[in-house]
């Protein structure tokens, strides 16, 4: 097979082969998708950014959990900025769930968390968008070590890079009695 792959120069074929090798068979089922919720309070801190704390929740947009493969998770904190509808800042922590925790349950791209979710962080990314919705700086992706502790009420993530840089995020989900925030519908694909 290695010889035949060497002669095939199609990037599509190579990408499909890479996905088949990297993705286990069960990952092609319903092990992936997204869950998001509004936030009641949030605080994001990263190198070069001034602390942004939102007490009233009026500018605090949402939390998004993305699961591309069971056990792998991206935790994205999205905060409004500059008082504009399009301006925002995002801080994303990516890593692996602890073996003792259950991955999100997903069906057709929509997921539901199984609290608590505890994650070992391996990377951090930050992005900021201006009032027009355009990137205000080049997105920053860094290797980092840390942890996230995500529960039905409080969410805390922190990580540290090899160069000593630190990232922190904390937030609270809205109080909604016995029911939790609804999972969002998956984005519709364009024809």
Protein backbone atom coordinates (compact mmCIF):
# COMPACT_ATOMS: atom_id res chain seq x y z
CA UNK A 1 0.00 0.00 0.00
CA UNK A 2 2.88 2.36 0.71
CA UNK A 3 4.04 2.03 -2.89
CA UNK A 4 0.62 2.82 -4.34
CA UNK A 5 0.19 5.81 -2.01
CA UNK A 6 3.55 7.15 -3.15
CA UNK A 7 2.40 7.19 -6.79
CA UNK A 8 -0.97 8.85 -6.10
CA UNK A 9 -0.57 12.62 -6.08
CA UNK A 10 -4.18 13.62 -5.43
CA UNK A 11 -4.38 15.83 -2.27
CA UNK A 12 -7.99 14.72 -1.77
CA UNK A 13 -6.99 11.07 -1.70
CA UNK A 14 -4.09 11.77 0.65
CA UNK A 15 -6.40 13.73 2.98
CA UNK A 16 -8.96 10.90 2.99
CA UNK A 17 -6.23 8.36 3.73
CA UNK A 18 -4.89 10.47 6.59
CA UNK A 19 -8.38 10.82 8.07
CA UNK A 20 -8.95 7.07 7.80
CA UNK A 21 -5.65 6.31 9.52
CA UNK A 22 -6.05 8.89 12.30
CA UNK A 23 -9.78 8.48 12.97
CA UNK A 24 -10.84 5.20 14.58
CA UNK A 25 -13.94 3.51 13.14
CA UNK A 26 -16.19 4.57 16.05
CA UNK A 27 -15.32 8.24 15.46
CA UNK A 28 -17.27 8.23 12.21
CA UNK A 29 -20.48 7.52 14.15
CA UNK A 30 -22.07 10.08 16.47
CA UNK A 31 -19.00 10.85 18.59
CA UNK A 32 -18.58 14.43 17.39
CA UNK A 33 -20.47 17.71 17.51
CA UNK A 34 -21.01 20.92 19.46
CA UNK A 35 -22.76 22.23 22.55
CA UNK A 36 -23.04 25.88 23.52
CA UNK A 37 -24.64 27.97 26.20
CA UNK A 38 -24.90 31.64 27.13
CA UNK A 39 -22.76 32.71 30.07
CA UNK A 40 -23.82 34.63 33.14
CA UNK A 41 -20.32 35.83 34.06
CA UNK A 42 -16.92 35.40 32.51
CA UNK A 43 -13.31 36.52 32.83
CA UNK A 44 -10.62 35.97 30.20
CA UNK A 45 -6.91 36.60 30.75
CA UNK A 46 -4.08 36.01 28.30
CA UNK A 47 -0.66 37.50 27.52
CA UNK A 48 -0.88 41.01 26.16
CA UNK A 49 -4.58 41.40 26.93
CA UNK A 50 -6.04 43.56 29.65
CA UNK A 51 -8.33 41.74 32.11
CA UNK A 52 -11.92 41.71 30.91
CA UNK A 53 -14.42 40.93 33.63
CA UNK A 54 -18.13 41.06 33.04
CA UNK A 55 -20.20 41.09 36.20
CA UNK A 56 -23.69 41.73 34.87
CA UNK A 57 -23.46 39.28 31.99
CA UNK A 58 -24.76 41.84 29.46
CA UNK A 59 -21.66 41.53 27.26
CA UNK A 60 -20.77 37.93 28.06
CA UNK A 61 -21.76 35.91 25.04
CA UNK A 62 -21.25 32.17 25.31
CA UNK A 63 -19.31 29.02 25.94
CA UNK A 64 -18.83 26.54 23.12
CA UNK A 65 -17.70 22.93 23.55
CA UNK A 66 -16.53 21.18 20.37
CA UNK A 67 -15.85 17.45 20.31
CA UNK A 68 -14.22 16.27 17.07
CA UNK A 69 -13.48 12.78 18.41
CA UNK A 70 -14.68 11.22 21.67
CA UNK A 71 -12.23 12.19 24.39
CA UNK A 72 -10.86 15.26 22.56
CA UNK A 73 -12.42 18.60 23.45
CA UNK A 74 -12.11 22.28 22.61
CA UNK A 75 -13.47 24.70 25.22
CA UNK A 76 -14.06 28.14 23.68
CA UNK A 77 -14.97 31.19 25.77
CA UNK A 78 -16.48 33.94 23.60
CA UNK A 79 -16.75 37.41 25.10
CA UNK A 80 -18.17 40.60 23.59
CA UNK A 81 -15.73 43.50 23.32
CA UNK A 82 -15.78 47.22 22.59
CA UNK A 83 -19.55 47.44 23.03
CA UNK A 84 -20.13 46.36 19.42
CA UNK A 85 -22.31 43.54 18.20
CA UNK A 86 -19.51 42.19 16.00
CA UNK A 87 -16.47 42.79 18.22
CA UNK A 88 -15.46 39.81 20.31
CA UNK A 89 -12.56 38.00 21.85
CA UNK A 90 -12.17 34.26 22.10
CA UNK A 91 -9.96 32.10 24.26
CA UNK A 92 -9.86 28.39 23.40
CA UNK A 93 -8.37 25.54 25.42
CA UNK A 94 -7.86 22.21 23.63
CA UNK A 95 -6.97 18.84 25.08
CA UNK A 96 -8.04 15.41 26.25
CA UNK A 97 -10.67 14.46 28.81
CA UNK A 98 -9.49 12.55 31.86
CA UNK A 99 -10.12 8.82 31.44
CA UNK A 100 -12.57 8.81 34.36
CA UNK A 101 -14.87 11.35 32.64
CA UNK A 102 -17.42 10.59 29.95
CA UNK A 103 -17.24 12.32 26.54
CA UNK A 104 -20.19 14.38 25.38
CA UNK A 105 -23.12 12.40 23.99
CA UNK A 106 -23.69 13.54 20.41
CA UNK A 107 -26.32 12.89 17.79
CA UNK A 108 -26.23 14.43 14.32
CA UNK A 109 -23.73 17.08 15.40
CA UNK A 110 -25.60 18.20 18.53
CA UNK A 111 -24.07 17.22 21.86
CA UNK A 112 -24.97 17.13 25.55
CA UNK A 113 -22.24 17.29 28.21
CA UNK A 114 -21.92 14.63 30.90
CA UNK A 115 -20.86 16.80 33.85
CA UNK A 116 -18.26 17.05 35.20
CA UNK A 117 -15.83 17.34 32.31
CA UNK A 118 -12.19 17.56 33.35
CA UNK A 119 -9.61 18.06 30.67
CA UNK A 120 -5.84 17.99 30.41
CA UNK A 121 -4.97 21.03 28.26
CA UNK A 122 -2.34 20.66 25.50
CA UNK A 123 -2.88 23.88 23.55
CA UNK A 124 -4.38 27.36 23.76
CA UNK A 125 -5.59 29.75 21.06
CA UNK A 126 -6.73 33.37 21.30
CA UNK A 127 -8.47 35.56 18.75
CA UNK A 128 -9.89 39.07 18.78
CA UNK A 129 -12.32 40.61 16.28
CA UNK A 130 -12.95 44.34 15.80
CA UNK A 131 -16.31 46.15 15.46
CA UNK A 132 -16.56 45.08 11.81
CA UNK A 133 -16.05 41.41 12.71
CA UNK A 134 -12.53 41.36 11.21
CA UNK A 135 -9.57 39.79 12.99
CA UNK A 136 -7.90 42.51 15.09
CA UNK A 137 -4.61 40.55 15.28
CA UNK A 138 -3.12 37.35 13.95
CA UNK A 139 -4.69 34.44 15.87
CA UNK A 140 -2.30 33.03 18.45
CA UNK A 141 -1.94 29.24 18.87
CA UNK A 142 0.42 27.98 21.57
CA UNK A 143 1.42 24.65 23.04
CA UNK A 144 0.58 24.77 26.73
CA UNK A 145 -0.03 22.53 29.73
CA UNK A 146 -2.90 22.99 32.11
CA UNK A 147 -6.37 21.85 33.03
CA UNK A 148 -10.05 22.63 32.67
CA UNK A 149 -12.72 21.81 35.21
CA UNK A 150 -16.20 22.15 33.71
CA UNK A 151 -19.36 21.69 35.73
CA UNK A 152 -23.04 22.49 35.31
CA UNK A 153 -22.57 25.86 37.05
CA UNK A 154 -18.91 26.89 37.03
CA UNK A 155 -16.17 26.55 34.41
CA UNK A 156 -12.46 27.12 35.02
CA UNK A 157 -9.54 26.65 32.61
CA UNK A 158 -5.90 27.57 33.04
CA UNK A 159 -2.72 26.78 31.16
CA UNK A 160 0.94 27.75 31.05
CA UNK A 161 3.30 27.74 28.06
CA UNK A 162 6.92 26.59 28.05
CA UNK A 163 8.00 30.27 27.92
CA UNK A 164 6.09 31.07 31.12
CA UNK A 165 3.06 32.70 29.42
CA UNK A 166 -0.24 32.04 31.20
CA UNK A 167 -3.89 31.84 30.11
CA UNK A 168 -6.95 31.74 32.36
CA UNK A 169 -10.70 31.68 31.85
CA UNK A 170 -13.54 31.37 34.30
CA UNK A 171 -17.27 31.57 33.76
CA UNK A 172 -20.64 30.69 35.20
CA UNK A 173 -23.52 29.13 33.31
CA UNK A 174 -26.97 30.62 33.90
CA UNK A 175 -29.04 29.14 36.70
CA UNK A 176 -31.93 27.29 35.13
CA UNK A 177 -33.39 25.07 37.81
CA UNK A 178 -33.39 21.34 37.11
CA UNK A 179 -32.92 21.62 33.34
CA UNK A 180 -29.62 22.57 31.74
CA UNK A 181 -29.06 24.87 28.75
CA UNK A 182 -30.28 23.36 25.48
CA UNK A 183 -27.84 22.08 22.92
CA UNK A 184 -27.66 24.17 19.78
CA UNK A 185 -28.75 22.93 16.40
CA UNK A 186 -25.92 21.99 14.06
CA UNK A 187 -25.07 24.52 11.36
CA UNK A 188 -26.90 23.86 8.10
CA UNK A 189 -24.65 22.89 5.22
CA UNK A 190 -24.93 24.97 2.11
CA UNK A 191 -25.81 23.09 -1.10
